[in-house]
Amino acid sequence: MADKERSDVGDALGMVETRGLIGMIEAADAMVKTANVVFVGWQKVDAGLVTAIVRGDVGSVKAATDAGAAAARRVGELIGVHVIPRPADDLEKIFPIR
């Protein structure tokens, strides 16, 4: 997507956390194929936990994380799924969510 089309701070934030890289990649693939979301990155947490992060409107992010969670369950271990409808502006200064 072009920079001006990229997610703004007001867009929802969706996260799918898995144990292992394969589950996270499968989740990320399903999320971007299912809904109009932007894959903003992934983070290695610890002990094999990795999180895929997407941004977009609330409905799209919810659909994407649901699809991502289902995909991760099929090939690995899903740890958690969470959607923040409107993240606080200061989060972008601290976390890699843009």
C-alpha atoms as a PDB file:
ATOM      1  CA  MET A   1       0.000   0.000   0.000  1.00  0.00           C
ATOM      2  CA  ALA A   2       1.112   3.556  -0.573  1.00  0.00           C
ATOM      3  CA  ASP A   3       2.238   5.461   2.500  1.00  0.00           C
ATOM      4  CA  LYS A   4      -0.801   7.740   2.463  1.00  0.00           C
ATOM      5  CA  GLU A   5      -3.048   4.650   2.429  1.00  0.00           C
ATOM      6  CA  ARG A   6      -1.249   3.030   5.341  1.00  0.00           C
ATOM      7  CA  SER A   7      -2.960   2.736   8.681  1.00  0.00           C
ATOM      8  CA  ASP A   8      -3.204   5.751  10.915  1.00  0.00           C
ATOM      9  CA  VAL A   9      -3.061   5.779  14.695  1.00  0.00           C
ATOM     10  CA  GLY A  10      -6.870   5.671  14.858  1.00  0.00           C
ATOM     11  CA  ASP A  11      -7.047   2.343  13.024  1.00  0.00           C
ATOM     12  CA  ALA A  12      -7.611  -0.852  14.941  1.00  0.00           C
ATOM     13  CA  LEU A  13      -4.656  -2.973  15.963  1.00  0.00           C
ATOM     14  CA  GLY A  14      -4.835  -6.760  15.693  1.00  0.00           C
ATOM     15  CA  MET A  15      -2.391  -9.281  17.127  1.00  0.00           C
ATOM     16  CA  VAL A  16      -2.116 -13.054  16.785  1.00  0.00           C
ATOM     17  CA  GLU A  17       0.462 -14.769  18.969  1.00  0.00           C
ATOM     18  CA  THR A  18       1.700 -18.300  18.316  1.00  0.00           C
ATOM     19  CA  ARG A  19       4.326 -20.674  19.578  1.00  0.00           C
ATOM     20  CA  GLY A  20       6.674 -21.059  16.630  1.00  0.00           C
ATOM     21  CA  LEU A  21       7.345 -19.197  13.426  1.00  0.00           C
ATOM     22  CA  ILE A  22       5.357 -21.450  11.081  1.00  0.00           C
ATOM     23  CA  GLY A  23       2.062 -20.818  12.874  1.00  0.00           C
ATOM     24  CA  MET A  24       2.700 -17.070  12.869  1.00  0.00           C
ATOM     25  CA  ILE A  25       3.533 -17.011   9.152  1.00  0.00           C
ATOM     26  CA  GLU A  26       0.404 -19.024   8.385  1.00  0.00           C
ATOM     27  CA  ALA A  27      -1.654 -16.618  10.520  1.00  0.00           C
ATOM     28  CA  ALA A  28      -0.157 -13.543   8.832  1.00  0.00           C
ATOM     29  CA  ASP A  29      -0.823 -15.003   5.386  1.00  0.00           C
ATOM     30  CA  ALA A  30      -4.450 -15.738   6.265  1.00  0.00           C
ATOM     31  CA  MET A  31      -4.960 -12.283   7.786  1.00  0.00           C
ATOM     32  CA  VAL A  32      -3.823 -10.321   4.743  1.00  0.00           C
ATOM     33  CA  LYS A  33      -5.694 -12.611   2.338  1.00  0.00           C
ATOM     34  CA  THR A  34      -8.951 -12.450   4.311  1.00  0.00           C
ATOM     35  CA  ALA A  35      -9.448  -8.747   4.925  1.00  0.00           C
ATOM     36  CA  ASN A  36      -8.281  -5.298   3.920  1.00  0.00           C
ATOM     37  CA  VAL A  37      -5.574  -4.982   6.564  1.00  0.00           C
ATOM     38  CA  VAL A  38      -1.939  -3.918   6.525  1.00  0.00           C
ATOM     39  CA  PHE A  39       0.633  -6.324   7.938  1.00  0.00           C
ATOM     40  CA  VAL A  40       2.841  -4.005   9.976  1.00  0.00           C
ATOM     41  CA  GLY A  41       5.272  -6.582  11.274  1.00  0.00           C
ATOM     42  CA  TRP A  42       5.994  -9.305  13.725  1.00  0.00           C
ATOM     43  CA  GLN A  43       7.761  -9.566  17.047  1.00  0.00           C
ATOM     44  CA  LYS A  44       9.647 -12.373  18.693  1.00  0.00           C
ATOM     45  CA  VAL A  45       8.511 -12.378  22.296  1.00  0.00           C
ATOM     46  CA  ASP A  46      10.396 -15.146  24.127  1.00  0.00           C
ATOM     47  CA  ALA A  47      10.551 -18.924  24.438  1.00  0.00           C
ATOM     48  CA  GLY A  48       9.418 -19.443  20.857  1.00  0.00           C
ATOM     49  CA  LEU A  49       6.485 -17.032  21.045  1.00  0.00           C
ATOM     50  CA  VAL A  50       5.963 -14.737  18.059  1.00  0.00           C
ATOM     51  CA  THR A  51       3.263 -12.184  17.332  1.00  0.00           C
ATOM     52  CA  ALA A  52       1.916 -10.993  13.971  1.00  0.00           C
ATOM     53  CA  ILE A  53       0.551  -7.438  13.946  1.00  0.00           C
ATOM     54  CA  VAL A  54      -1.995  -5.946  11.523  1.00  0.00           C
ATOM     55  CA  ARG A  55      -3.785  -2.588  11.242  1.00  0.00           C
ATOM     56  CA  GLY A  56      -7.016  -1.556   9.559  1.00  0.00           C
ATOM     57  CA  ASP A  57     -10.621  -0.693  10.291  1.00  0.00           C
ATOM     58  CA  VAL A  58     -12.172  -2.544  13.225  1.00  0.00           C
ATOM     59  CA  GLY A  59     -14.311  -4.927  11.163  1.00  0.00           C
ATOM     60  CA  SER A  60     -11.450  -5.874   8.868  1.00  0.00           C
ATOM     61  CA  VAL A  61      -9.027  -6.408  11.736  1.00  0.00           C
ATOM     62  CA  LYS A  62     -11.560  -8.586  13.581  1.00  0.00           C
ATOM     63  CA  ALA A  63     -12.155 -10.710  10.462  1.00  0.00           C
ATOM     64  CA  ALA A  64      -8.416 -10.928   9.829  1.00  0.00           C
ATOM     65  CA  THR A  65      -7.517 -12.011  13.365  1.00  0.00           C
ATOM     66  CA  ASP A  66     -10.296 -14.614  13.382  1.00  0.00           C
ATOM     67  CA  ALA A  67      -8.921 -16.067  10.139  1.00  0.00           C
ATOM     68  CA  GLY A  68      -5.351 -15.823  11.398  1.00  0.00           C
ATOM     69  CA  ALA A  69      -6.203 -17.619  14.618  1.00  0.00           C
ATOM     70  CA  ALA A  70      -7.911 -20.456  12.735  1.00  0.00           C
ATOM     71  CA  ALA A  71      -4.941 -20.796  10.380  1.00  0.00           C
ATOM     72  CA  ALA A  72      -2.445 -20.836  13.241  1.00  0.00           C
ATOM     73  CA  ARG A  73      -4.428 -23.561  15.043  1.00  0.00           C
ATOM     74  CA  ARG A  74      -4.287 -25.764  11.933  1.00  0.00           C
ATOM     75  CA  VAL A  75      -0.494 -25.827  11.738  1.00  0.00           C
ATOM     76  CA  GLY A  76       0.744 -24.950  15.208  1.00  0.00           C
ATOM     77  CA  GLU A  77      -0.101 -23.651  18.640  1.00  0.00           C
ATOM     78  CA  LEU A  78      -2.207 -20.517  18.998  1.00  0.00           C
ATOM     79  CA  ILE A  79      -1.360 -18.602  22.179  1.00  0.00           C
ATOM     80  CA  GLY A  80      -3.604 -15.567  21.941  1.00  0.00           C
ATOM     81  CA  VAL A  81      -5.579 -13.170  19.764  1.00  0.00           C
ATOM     82  CA  HIS A  82      -6.436  -9.580  20.586  1.00  0.00           C
ATOM     83  CA  VAL A  83      -7.939  -6.566  18.824  1.00  0.00           C
ATOM     84  CA  ILE A  84      -7.606  -3.014  20.139  1.00  0.00           C
ATOM     85  CA  PRO A  85     -10.269  -0.951  18.319  1.00  0.00           C
ATOM     86  CA  ARG A  86      -8.541   2.405  18.801  1.00  0.00           C
ATOM     87  CA  PRO A  87      -5.061   2.233  20.312  1.00  0.00           C
ATOM     88  CA  ALA A  88      -3.836   5.204  22.320  1.00  0.00           C
ATOM     89  CA  ASP A  89      -1.749   7.638  20.276  1.00  0.00           C
ATOM     90  CA  ASP A  90       1.310   7.143  22.500  1.00  0.00           C
ATOM     91  CA  LEU A  91       1.548   3.406  21.744  1.00  0.00           C
ATOM     92  CA  GLU A  92       3.192   4.078  18.376  1.00  0.00           C
ATOM     93  CA  LYS A  93       6.027   5.904  20.108  1.00  0.00           C
ATOM     94  CA  ILE A  94       6.885   2.805  22.138  1.00  0.00           C
ATOM     95  CA  PHE A  95       5.769  -0.247  20.159  1.00  0.00           C
ATOM     96  CA  PRO A  96       6.362  -1.187  16.487  1.00  0.00           C
ATOM     97  CA  ILE A  97       2.697  -0.971  15.473  1.00  0.00           C
ATOM     98  CA  ARG A  98       2.726   1.385  12.485  1.00  0.00           C
END
